[in-house]
Full PDB file with SEQRES, HELIX, SHEET, SSBOND, CRYST1, ORIGX, SCALE, CONECT and MASTER records, all heavy atoms in Angstrom:
SEQRES   1 A   30  GLY SER PHE ILE GLY ASN GLY ALA VAL LEU THR TYR ASN          
SEQRES   2 A   30  VAL THR GLN VAL SER LEU ARG GLN ARG LEU CYS PRO PRO          
SEQRES   3 A   30  HIS LEU LEU GLY                                              
HELIX    1 AA1 SER A    2  LEU A   23  1                                  22    
HELIX    2 AA2 PRO A   26  LEU A   28  5                                   3    
CRYST1    1.000    1.000    1.000  90.00  90.00  90.00 P 1           1          
ORIGX1      1.000000  0.000000  0.000000        0.00000                         
ORIGX2      0.000000  1.000000  0.000000        0.00000                         
ORIGX3      0.000000  0.000000  1.000000        0.00000                         
SCALE1      1.000000  0.000000  0.000000        0.00000                         
SCALE2      0.000000  1.000000  0.000000        0.00000                         
SCALE3      0.000000  0.000000  1.000000        0.00000                         
ATOM      1  N   GLY A   1      46.151 -26.132  16.403  1.00  0.00           N  
ATOM      2  CA  GLY A   1      47.442 -25.598  16.098  1.00  0.00           C  
ATOM      3  C   GLY A   1      47.856 -26.035  14.678  1.00  0.00           C  
ATOM      4  O   GLY A   1      48.412 -25.181  13.996  1.00  0.00           O  
ATOM      5  N   SER A   2      47.667 -27.286  14.351  1.00  0.00           N  
ATOM      6  CA  SER A   2      48.098 -27.782  13.043  1.00  0.00           C  
ATOM      7  C   SER A   2      47.281 -27.137  11.937  1.00  0.00           C  
ATOM      8  O   SER A   2      47.868 -26.743  10.934  1.00  0.00           O  
ATOM      9  CB  SER A   2      47.866 -29.256  13.027  1.00  0.00           C  
ATOM     10  OG  SER A   2      48.389 -29.852  11.770  1.00  0.00           O  
ATOM     11  N   PHE A   3      45.996 -26.951  12.187  1.00  0.00           N  
ATOM     12  CA  PHE A   3      45.088 -26.315  11.192  1.00  0.00           C  
ATOM     13  C   PHE A   3      45.512 -24.874  10.920  1.00  0.00           C  
ATOM     14  O   PHE A   3      45.694 -24.438   9.810  1.00  0.00           O  
ATOM     15  CB  PHE A   3      43.664 -26.295  11.669  1.00  0.00           C  
ATOM     16  CG  PHE A   3      42.599 -25.841  10.786  1.00  0.00           C  
ATOM     17  CD1 PHE A   3      41.961 -26.592   9.823  1.00  0.00           C  
ATOM     18  CD2 PHE A   3      42.300 -24.427  10.819  1.00  0.00           C  
ATOM     19  CE1 PHE A   3      41.007 -26.076   8.978  1.00  0.00           C  
ATOM     20  CE2 PHE A   3      41.384 -23.890   9.921  1.00  0.00           C  
ATOM     21  CZ  PHE A   3      40.733 -24.666   8.917  1.00  0.00           C  
ATOM     22  N   ILE A   4      45.748 -24.125  11.939  1.00  0.00           N  
ATOM     23  CA  ILE A   4      45.997 -22.692  11.802  1.00  0.00           C  
ATOM     24  C   ILE A   4      47.454 -22.548  11.322  1.00  0.00           C  
ATOM     25  O   ILE A   4      47.719 -21.769  10.418  1.00  0.00           O  
ATOM     26  CB  ILE A   4      45.933 -22.018  13.222  1.00  0.00           C  
ATOM     27  CG1 ILE A   4      44.519 -21.894  13.690  1.00  0.00           C  
ATOM     28  CG2 ILE A   4      46.539 -20.465  13.172  1.00  0.00           C  
ATOM     29  CD1 ILE A   4      44.294 -21.448  15.143  1.00  0.00           C  
ATOM     30  N   GLY A   5      48.346 -23.389  11.864  1.00  0.00           N  
ATOM     31  CA  GLY A   5      49.823 -23.305  11.351  1.00  0.00           C  
ATOM     32  C   GLY A   5      49.917 -23.582   9.900  1.00  0.00           C  
ATOM     33  O   GLY A   5      50.691 -22.975   9.206  1.00  0.00           O  
ATOM     34  N   ASN A   6      49.334 -24.672   9.525  1.00  0.00           N  
ATOM     35  CA  ASN A   6      49.309 -25.058   7.975  1.00  0.00           C  
ATOM     36  C   ASN A   6      48.791 -23.961   7.129  1.00  0.00           C  
ATOM     37  O   ASN A   6      49.321 -23.666   6.094  1.00  0.00           O  
ATOM     38  CB  ASN A   6      48.660 -26.407   7.772  1.00  0.00           C  
ATOM     39  CG  ASN A   6      49.537 -27.559   8.066  1.00  0.00           C  
ATOM     40  OD1 ASN A   6      50.387 -28.005   7.140  1.00  0.00           O  
ATOM     41  ND2 ASN A   6      49.541 -28.095   9.158  1.00  0.00           N  
ATOM     42  N   GLY A   7      47.587 -23.418   7.506  1.00  0.00           N  
ATOM     43  CA  GLY A   7      47.069 -22.371   6.825  1.00  0.00           C  
ATOM     44  C   GLY A   7      47.934 -21.184   6.684  1.00  0.00           C  
ATOM     45  O   GLY A   7      48.143 -20.499   5.614  1.00  0.00           O  
ATOM     46  N   ALA A   8      48.597 -20.795   7.759  1.00  0.00           N  
ATOM     47  CA  ALA A   8      49.518 -19.646   7.703  1.00  0.00           C  
ATOM     48  C   ALA A   8      50.711 -19.783   6.929  1.00  0.00           C  
ATOM     49  O   ALA A   8      51.133 -19.047   6.144  1.00  0.00           O  
ATOM     50  CB  ALA A   8      49.851 -19.220   9.238  1.00  0.00           C  
ATOM     51  N   VAL A   9      51.314 -21.039   7.197  1.00  0.00           N  
ATOM     52  CA  VAL A   9      52.462 -21.450   6.389  1.00  0.00           C  
ATOM     53  C   VAL A   9      52.250 -21.443   4.901  1.00  0.00           C  
ATOM     54  O   VAL A   9      53.135 -20.978   4.116  1.00  0.00           O  
ATOM     55  CB  VAL A   9      53.119 -22.778   6.889  1.00  0.00           C  
ATOM     56  CG1 VAL A   9      54.244 -23.282   5.933  1.00  0.00           C  
ATOM     57  CG2 VAL A   9      53.662 -22.583   8.278  1.00  0.00           C  
ATOM     58  N   LEU A  10      51.230 -21.994   4.552  1.00  0.00           N  
ATOM     59  CA  LEU A  10      50.872 -22.008   3.009  1.00  0.00           C  
ATOM     60  C   LEU A  10      50.531 -20.660   2.483  1.00  0.00           C  
ATOM     61  O   LEU A  10      50.976 -20.353   1.353  1.00  0.00           O  
ATOM     62  CB  LEU A  10      49.791 -23.061   2.708  1.00  0.00           C  
ATOM     63  CG  LEU A  10      50.222 -24.534   2.408  1.00  0.00           C  
ATOM     64  CD1 LEU A  10      51.009 -24.473   1.118  1.00  0.00           C  
ATOM     65  CD2 LEU A  10      51.125 -25.090   3.507  1.00  0.00           C  
ATOM     66  N   THR A  11      49.989 -19.902   3.199  1.00  0.00           N  
ATOM     67  CA  THR A  11      49.720 -18.482   2.775  1.00  0.00           C  
ATOM     68  C   THR A  11      51.070 -17.852   2.585  1.00  0.00           C  
ATOM     69  O   THR A  11      51.343 -17.041   1.621  1.00  0.00           O  
ATOM     70  CB  THR A  11      48.855 -17.709   3.782  1.00  0.00           C  
ATOM     71  OG1 THR A  11      47.612 -18.325   3.913  1.00  0.00           O  
ATOM     72  CG2 THR A  11      48.648 -16.205   3.301  1.00  0.00           C  
ATOM     73  N   TYR A  12      51.919 -17.911   3.544  1.00  0.00           N  
ATOM     74  CA  TYR A  12      53.245 -17.266   3.547  1.00  0.00           C  
ATOM     75  C   TYR A  12      53.936 -17.924   2.318  1.00  0.00           C  
ATOM     76  O   TYR A  12      54.621 -17.122   1.467  1.00  0.00           O  
ATOM     77  CB  TYR A  12      53.925 -17.706   4.803  1.00  0.00           C  
ATOM     78  CG  TYR A  12      55.454 -17.267   4.796  1.00  0.00           C  
ATOM     79  CD1 TYR A  12      55.864 -15.915   5.004  1.00  0.00           C  
ATOM     80  CD2 TYR A  12      56.429 -18.113   4.601  1.00  0.00           C  
ATOM     81  CE1 TYR A  12      57.168 -15.555   4.992  1.00  0.00           C  
ATOM     82  CE2 TYR A  12      57.863 -17.847   4.577  1.00  0.00           C  
ATOM     83  CZ  TYR A  12      58.140 -16.446   4.758  1.00  0.00           C  
ATOM     84  OH  TYR A  12      59.451 -16.151   4.750  1.00  0.00           O  
ATOM     85  N   ASN A  13      54.011 -19.198   1.995  1.00  0.00           N  
ATOM     86  CA  ASN A  13      54.767 -19.797   0.986  1.00  0.00           C  
ATOM     87  C   ASN A  13      54.391 -19.350  -0.396  1.00  0.00           C  
ATOM     88  O   ASN A  13      55.164 -18.977  -1.131  1.00  0.00           O  
ATOM     89  CB  ASN A  13      54.662 -21.344   1.021  1.00  0.00           C  
ATOM     90  CG  ASN A  13      55.549 -21.946   2.080  1.00  0.00           C  
ATOM     91  OD1 ASN A  13      56.384 -21.323   2.653  1.00  0.00           O  
ATOM     92  ND2 ASN A  13      55.284 -23.225   2.349  1.00  0.00           N  
ATOM     93  N   VAL A  14      53.014 -19.317  -0.568  1.00  0.00           N  
ATOM     94  CA  VAL A  14      52.471 -18.864  -1.844  1.00  0.00           C  
ATOM     95  C   VAL A  14      52.848 -17.377  -2.146  1.00  0.00           C  
ATOM     96  O   VAL A  14      53.418 -16.923  -3.233  1.00  0.00           O  
ATOM     97  CB  VAL A  14      50.988 -19.009  -1.936  1.00  0.00           C  
ATOM     98  CG1 VAL A  14      50.448 -18.271  -3.200  1.00  0.00           C  
ATOM     99  CG2 VAL A  14      50.736 -20.485  -1.986  1.00  0.00           C  
ATOM    100  N   THR A  15      52.690 -16.477  -1.105  1.00  0.00           N  
ATOM    101  CA  THR A  15      52.945 -15.110  -1.288  1.00  0.00           C  
ATOM    102  C   THR A  15      54.461 -14.778  -1.409  1.00  0.00           C  
ATOM    103  O   THR A  15      54.819 -13.990  -2.351  1.00  0.00           O  
ATOM    104  CB  THR A  15      52.333 -14.230  -0.190  1.00  0.00           C  
ATOM    105  OG1 THR A  15      52.692 -14.780   1.023  1.00  0.00           O  
ATOM    106  CG2 THR A  15      50.778 -14.214  -0.318  1.00  0.00           C  
ATOM    107  N   GLN A  16      55.209 -15.308  -0.591  1.00  0.00           N  
ATOM    108  CA  GLN A  16      56.672 -14.936  -0.568  1.00  0.00           C  
ATOM    109  C   GLN A  16      57.341 -15.568  -1.829  1.00  0.00           C  
ATOM    110  O   GLN A  16      58.253 -15.013  -2.460  1.00  0.00           O  
ATOM    111  CB  GLN A  16      57.396 -15.260   0.634  1.00  0.00           C  
ATOM    112  CG  GLN A  16      57.442 -16.803   1.037  1.00  0.00           C  
ATOM    113  CD  GLN A  16      58.735 -17.418   0.613  1.00  0.00           C  
ATOM    114  OE1 GLN A  16      59.524 -16.761   0.040  1.00  0.00           O  
ATOM    115  NE2 GLN A  16      58.772 -18.703   0.805  1.00  0.00           N  
ATOM    116  N   VAL A  17      57.024 -16.769  -2.227  1.00  0.00           N  
ATOM    117  CA  VAL A  17      57.574 -17.354  -3.494  1.00  0.00           C  
ATOM    118  C   VAL A  17      57.259 -16.651  -4.637  1.00  0.00           C  
ATOM    119  O   VAL A  17      58.078 -16.435  -5.486  1.00  0.00           O  
ATOM    120  CB  VAL A  17      57.203 -18.912  -3.511  1.00  0.00           C  
ATOM    121  CG1 VAL A  17      57.561 -19.466  -4.910  1.00  0.00           C  
ATOM    122  CG2 VAL A  17      57.903 -19.710  -2.442  1.00  0.00           C  
ATOM    123  N   SER A  18      55.978 -16.338  -4.828  1.00  0.00           N  
ATOM    124  CA  SER A  18      55.522 -15.552  -5.946  1.00  0.00           C  
ATOM    125  C   SER A  18      56.237 -14.211  -5.954  1.00  0.00           C  
ATOM    126  O   SER A  18      56.610 -13.695  -7.061  1.00  0.00           O  
ATOM    127  CB  SER A  18      53.991 -15.382  -5.927  1.00  0.00           C  
ATOM    128  OG  SER A  18      53.353 -16.587  -5.932  1.00  0.00           O  
ATOM    129  N   LEU A  19      56.412 -13.450  -4.836  1.00  0.00           N  
ATOM    130  CA  LEU A  19      57.060 -12.275  -4.771  1.00  0.00           C  
ATOM    131  C   LEU A  19      58.552 -12.454  -5.241  1.00  0.00           C  
ATOM    132  O   LEU A  19      59.037 -11.613  -6.013  1.00  0.00           O  
ATOM    133  CB  LEU A  19      56.961 -11.702  -3.356  1.00  0.00           C  
ATOM    134  CG  LEU A  19      57.679 -10.297  -3.137  1.00  0.00           C  
ATOM    135  CD1 LEU A  19      57.097  -9.279  -4.032  1.00  0.00           C  
ATOM    136  CD2 LEU A  19      57.615  -9.953  -1.690  1.00  0.00           C  
ATOM    137  N   ARG A  20      59.178 -13.347  -4.729  1.00  0.00           N  
ATOM    138  CA  ARG A  20      60.547 -13.619  -5.074  1.00  0.00           C  
ATOM    139  C   ARG A  20      60.665 -13.882  -6.605  1.00  0.00           C  
ATOM    140  O   ARG A  20      61.626 -13.382  -7.314  1.00  0.00           O  
ATOM    141  CB  ARG A  20      61.149 -14.759  -4.311  1.00  0.00           C  
ATOM    142  CG  ARG A  20      61.435 -14.408  -2.849  1.00  0.00           C  
ATOM    143  CD  ARG A  20      62.235 -15.481  -2.098  1.00  0.00           C  
ATOM    144  NE  ARG A  20      61.710 -16.761  -1.827  1.00  0.00           N  
ATOM    145  CZ  ARG A  20      62.050 -17.906  -2.368  1.00  0.00           C  
ATOM    146  NH1 ARG A  20      62.978 -17.933  -3.349  1.00  0.00           N  
ATOM    147  NH2 ARG A  20      61.392 -18.981  -2.069  1.00  0.00           N  
ATOM    148  N   GLN A  21      59.811 -14.698  -7.156  1.00  0.00           N  
ATOM    149  CA  GLN A  21      59.898 -14.906  -8.590  1.00  0.00           C  
ATOM    150  C   GLN A  21      59.578 -13.719  -9.413  1.00  0.00           C  
ATOM    151  O   GLN A  21      60.183 -13.585 -10.508  1.00  0.00           O  
ATOM    152  CB  GLN A  21      58.851 -16.028  -8.915  1.00  0.00           C  
ATOM    153  CG  GLN A  21      59.157 -17.424  -8.421  1.00  0.00           C  
ATOM    154  CD  GLN A  21      58.073 -18.458  -8.657  1.00  0.00           C  
ATOM    155  OE1 GLN A  21      56.879 -18.124  -8.738  1.00  0.00           O  
ATOM    156  NE2 GLN A  21      58.374 -19.747  -8.519  1.00  0.00           N  
ATOM    157  N   ARG A  22      58.731 -12.809  -8.989  1.00  0.00           N  
ATOM    158  CA  ARG A  22      58.541 -11.560  -9.741  1.00  0.00           C  
ATOM    159  C   ARG A  22      59.748 -10.702  -9.695  1.00  0.00           C  
ATOM    160  O   ARG A  22      60.010  -9.967 -10.608  1.00  0.00           O  
ATOM    161  CB  ARG A  22      57.291 -10.886  -9.190  1.00  0.00           C  
ATOM    162  CG  ARG A  22      55.955 -11.587  -9.408  1.00  0.00           C  
ATOM    163  CD  ARG A  22      54.860 -10.567  -9.472  1.00  0.00           C  
ATOM    164  NE  ARG A  22      54.916  -9.612  -8.292  1.00  0.00           N  
ATOM    165  CZ  ARG A  22      54.301  -9.842  -7.011  1.00  0.00           C  
ATOM    166  NH1 ARG A  22      53.532 -11.034  -6.980  1.00  0.00           N  
ATOM    167  NH2 ARG A  22      54.319  -9.004  -6.074  1.00  0.00           N  
ATOM    168  N   LEU A  23      60.444 -10.661  -8.531  1.00  0.00           N  
ATOM    169  CA  LEU A  23      61.551  -9.765  -8.396  1.00  0.00           C  
ATOM    170  C   LEU A  23      62.881 -10.245  -8.946  1.00  0.00           C  
ATOM    171  O   LEU A  23      63.818  -9.424  -9.070  1.00  0.00           O  
ATOM    172  CB  LEU A  23      61.715  -9.514  -6.880  1.00  0.00           C  
ATOM    173  CG  LEU A  23      60.549  -8.776  -6.214  1.00  0.00           C  
ATOM    174  CD1 LEU A  23      60.829  -8.742  -4.582  1.00  0.00           C  
ATOM    175  CD2 LEU A  23      60.421  -7.402  -6.697  1.00  0.00           C  
ATOM    176  N   CYS A  24      62.989 -11.518  -9.312  1.00  0.00           N  
ATOM    177  CA  CYS A  24      64.226 -12.076  -9.775  1.00  0.00           C  
ATOM    178  C   CYS A  24      64.214 -12.221 -11.314  1.00  0.00           C  
ATOM    179  O   CYS A  24      63.219 -12.813 -11.859  1.00  0.00           O  
ATOM    180  CB  CYS A  24      64.399 -13.454  -9.090  1.00  0.00           C  
ATOM    181  SG  CYS A  24      65.918 -14.252  -9.641  1.00  0.00           S  
ATOM    182  N   PRO A  25      65.293 -11.885 -12.060  1.00  0.00           N  
ATOM    183  CA  PRO A  25      65.388 -12.108 -13.446  1.00  0.00           C  
ATOM    184  C   PRO A  25      65.384 -13.668 -13.700  1.00  0.00           C  
ATOM    185  O   PRO A  25      65.881 -14.406 -12.948  1.00  0.00           O  
ATOM    186  CB  PRO A  25      66.758 -11.457 -13.800  1.00  0.00           C  
ATOM    187  CG  PRO A  25      67.012 -10.670 -12.770  1.00  0.00           C  
ATOM    188  CD  PRO A  25      66.456 -11.148 -11.477  1.00  0.00           C  
ATOM    189  N   PRO A  26      64.728 -14.016 -14.839  1.00  0.00           N  
ATOM    190  CA  PRO A  26      64.633 -15.576 -15.081  1.00  0.00           C  
ATOM    191  C   PRO A  26      65.904 -16.233 -15.089  1.00  0.00           C  
ATOM    192  O   PRO A  26      66.003 -17.429 -14.621  1.00  0.00           O  
ATOM    193  CB  PRO A  26      63.918 -15.580 -16.470  1.00  0.00           C  
ATOM    194  CG  PRO A  26      63.162 -14.313 -16.542  1.00  0.00           C  
ATOM    195  CD  PRO A  26      63.987 -13.317 -15.816  1.00  0.00           C  
ATOM    196  N   HIS A  27      66.997 -15.592 -15.630  1.00  0.00           N  
ATOM    197  CA  HIS A  27      68.331 -16.388 -15.607  1.00  0.00           C  
ATOM    198  C   HIS A  27      68.964 -16.550 -14.269  1.00  0.00           C  
ATOM    199  O   HIS A  27      69.944 -17.292 -14.225  1.00  0.00           O  
ATOM    200  CB  HIS A  27      69.285 -15.663 -16.627  1.00  0.00           C  
ATOM    201  CG  HIS A  27      69.776 -14.349 -16.070  1.00  0.00           C  
ATOM    202  ND1 HIS A  27      68.990 -13.181 -16.159  1.00  0.00           N  
ATOM    203  CD2 HIS A  27      70.895 -13.976 -15.475  1.00  0.00           C  
ATOM    204  CE1 HIS A  27      69.686 -12.187 -15.689  1.00  0.00           C  
ATOM    205  NE2 HIS A  27      70.865 -12.739 -15.217  1.00  0.00           N  
ATOM    206  N   LEU A  28      68.441 -15.878 -13.263  1.00  0.00           N  
ATOM    207  CA  LEU A  28      68.923 -16.044 -11.833  1.00  0.00           C  
ATOM    208  C   LEU A  28      68.090 -16.835 -11.025  1.00  0.00           C  
ATOM    209  O   LEU A  28      68.439 -17.049  -9.870  1.00  0.00           O  
ATOM    210  CB  LEU A  28      69.184 -14.647 -11.195  1.00  0.00           C  
ATOM    211  CG  LEU A  28      70.520 -13.963 -11.578  1.00  0.00           C  
ATOM    212  CD1 LEU A  28      70.464 -12.506 -10.976  1.00  0.00           C  
ATOM    213  CD2 LEU A  28      71.673 -14.662 -10.977  1.00  0.00           C  
ATOM    214  N   LEU A  29      66.950 -17.286 -11.551  1.00  0.00           N  
ATOM    215  CA  LEU A  29      65.957 -18.074 -10.693  1.00  0.00           C  
ATOM    216  C   LEU A  29      66.537 -19.232  -9.875  1.00  0.00           C  
ATOM    217  O   LEU A  29      66.271 -19.346  -8.718  1.00  0.00           O  
ATOM    218  CB  LEU A  29      64.779 -18.385 -11.508  1.00  0.00           C  
ATOM    219  CG  LEU A  29      63.710 -17.363 -11.807  1.00  0.00           C  
ATOM    220  CD1 LEU A  29      62.718 -17.887 -12.881  1.00  0.00           C  
ATOM    221  CD2 LEU A  29      63.009 -16.901 -10.483  1.00  0.00           C  
ATOM    222  N   GLY A  30      67.278 -20.104 -10.574  1.00  0.00           N  
ATOM    223  CA  GLY A  30      67.779 -21.200  -9.929  1.00  0.00           C  
ATOM    224  C   GLY A  30      68.738 -20.877  -8.804  1.00  0.00           C  
ATOM    225  O   GLY A  30      68.670 -21.403  -7.712  1.00  0.00           O  
TER     226      GLY A  30                                                      
MASTER        0    0    0    2    0    0    0    6  225    1    0    3          
END                                                                             
């Protein structure tokens, strides 16, 4: 469970954080 869960969570984190950074203007990032 820890192996699968960590793999899924990190895939989610990388993809959703990158998506949010692409969609947000730099001056609003913080």
